[in-house]
Protein backbone atom coordinates (compact mmCIF):
# COMPACT_ATOMS: atom_id res chain seq x y z
CA UNK A 1 50.37 -8.17 -77.54
CA UNK A 2 48.91 -7.75 -80.72
CA UNK A 3 50.35 -9.93 -83.22
CA UNK A 4 48.14 -13.10 -84.05
CA UNK A 5 50.38 -15.39 -82.85
CA UNK A 6 50.01 -13.92 -79.35
CA UNK A 7 46.42 -13.82 -79.84
CA UNK A 8 46.11 -17.17 -80.42
CA UNK A 9 48.28 -18.20 -77.71
CA UNK A 10 46.86 -16.01 -74.82
CA UNK A 11 43.26 -16.27 -75.57
CA UNK A 12 40.58 -18.33 -76.71
CA UNK A 13 37.83 -15.61 -76.39
CA UNK A 14 37.43 -11.81 -77.86
CA UNK A 15 35.10 -9.89 -75.83
CA UNK A 16 34.80 -7.20 -78.40
CA UNK A 17 35.70 -7.07 -82.02
CA UNK A 18 35.23 -3.84 -84.10
CA UNK A 19 35.61 -4.33 -87.71
CA UNK A 20 36.69 -0.53 -88.49
CA UNK A 21 35.90 -0.23 -92.52
CA UNK A 22 38.46 1.96 -93.80
CA UNK A 23 38.06 1.98 -97.39
CA UNK A 24 36.32 -0.06 -100.31
CA UNK A 25 37.52 -3.63 -99.69
CA UNK A 26 39.93 -2.50 -96.39
CA UNK A 27 38.90 -3.74 -92.95
CA UNK A 28 41.15 -3.46 -89.97
CA UNK A 29 40.02 -5.68 -86.81
CA UNK A 30 40.07 -4.00 -83.43
CA UNK A 31 39.84 -6.44 -80.66
CA UNK A 32 39.52 -6.19 -77.13
CA UNK A 33 40.45 -9.23 -74.43
CA UNK A 34 39.90 -8.18 -70.67
CA UNK A 35 41.71 -5.02 -69.95
CA UNK A 36 43.77 -5.17 -73.57
CA UNK A 37 42.70 -3.22 -76.75
CA UNK A 38 44.55 -3.54 -79.99
CA UNK A 39 44.69 -3.81 -83.46
CA UNK A 40 45.11 -7.15 -84.92
CA UNK A 41 49.15 -7.05 -86.25
CA UNK A 42 50.95 -9.60 -88.56
CA UNK A 43 54.79 -10.79 -87.05
CA UNK A 44 56.22 -7.69 -88.37
CA UNK A 45 54.32 -5.48 -86.60
CA UNK A 46 52.15 -4.12 -89.11
CA UNK A 47 48.13 -3.55 -89.01
CA UNK A 48 46.57 -6.64 -90.98
CA UNK A 49 44.42 -5.46 -93.96
CA UNK A 50 41.77 -7.63 -94.57
CA UNK A 51 39.33 -7.48 -97.85
CA UNK A 52 36.31 -8.01 -96.39
CA UNK A 53 34.56 -8.75 -92.65
CA UNK A 54 33.86 -12.32 -93.64
CA UNK A 55 37.38 -12.90 -93.98
CA UNK A 56 38.05 -11.33 -90.75
CA UNK A 57 35.34 -13.94 -89.31
CA UNK A 58 36.78 -16.43 -91.28
CA UNK A 59 40.59 -15.77 -89.17
CA UNK A 60 38.98 -15.52 -85.71
CA UNK A 61 37.15 -18.76 -86.52
CA UNK A 62 38.99 -20.64 -83.33
CA UNK A 63 37.86 -17.69 -80.87
CA UNK A 64 34.43 -17.32 -79.19
CA UNK A 65 33.88 -13.52 -80.21
CA UNK A 66 31.42 -12.30 -77.50
CA UNK A 67 30.02 -9.11 -79.74
CA UNK A 68 30.84 -7.83 -82.78
CA UNK A 69 30.51 -4.44 -84.33
CA UNK A 70 30.92 -2.42 -87.95
CA UNK A 71 32.34 1.17 -87.56
CA UNK A 72 32.54 3.20 -90.79
CA UNK A 73 34.05 6.77 -90.93
CA UNK A 74 32.90 8.92 -93.72
CA UNK A 75 34.47 11.70 -95.25
CA UNK A 76 31.60 12.69 -97.72
CA UNK A 77 30.58 16.27 -96.04
CA UNK A 78 34.39 17.43 -96.53
CA UNK A 79 34.58 15.78 -99.88
CA UNK A 80 31.66 17.75 -101.03
CA UNK A 81 32.71 21.01 -99.32
CA UNK A 82 29.77 20.68 -96.54
CA UNK A 83 29.77 21.74 -92.97
CA UNK A 84 32.54 19.59 -90.82
CA UNK A 85 30.19 17.54 -88.52
CA UNK A 86 31.09 16.14 -84.98
CA UNK A 87 30.79 13.02 -86.02
CA UNK A 88 30.12 11.23 -89.14
CA UNK A 89 30.48 7.55 -87.87
CA UNK A 90 28.29 4.51 -88.49
CA UNK A 91 28.37 2.13 -85.82
CA UNK A 92 26.69 -0.97 -86.17
CA UNK A 93 26.20 -3.92 -83.71
CA UNK A 94 26.81 -7.30 -85.99
CA UNK A 95 25.97 -9.74 -82.98
């Protein structure tokens, strides 16, 4: 269960939305509903790429989203030749 049509059919509430900021203007939506956790996919089974987090919120406007997070992973240290860190994640609660 991961495509948008199935999400609309099976759920009216999203327990947790994690928006992955992959690159400039590339965002992915990871959704948790009950025990299910998945990336939002199209009917062809490919993960949907969004241009902004507001685009994700607009697409999911028919759902009650209980909590939402923005997750950004940076490769900056690797890019500048610095030591690799255990985690280069920035996790921000949106609501």
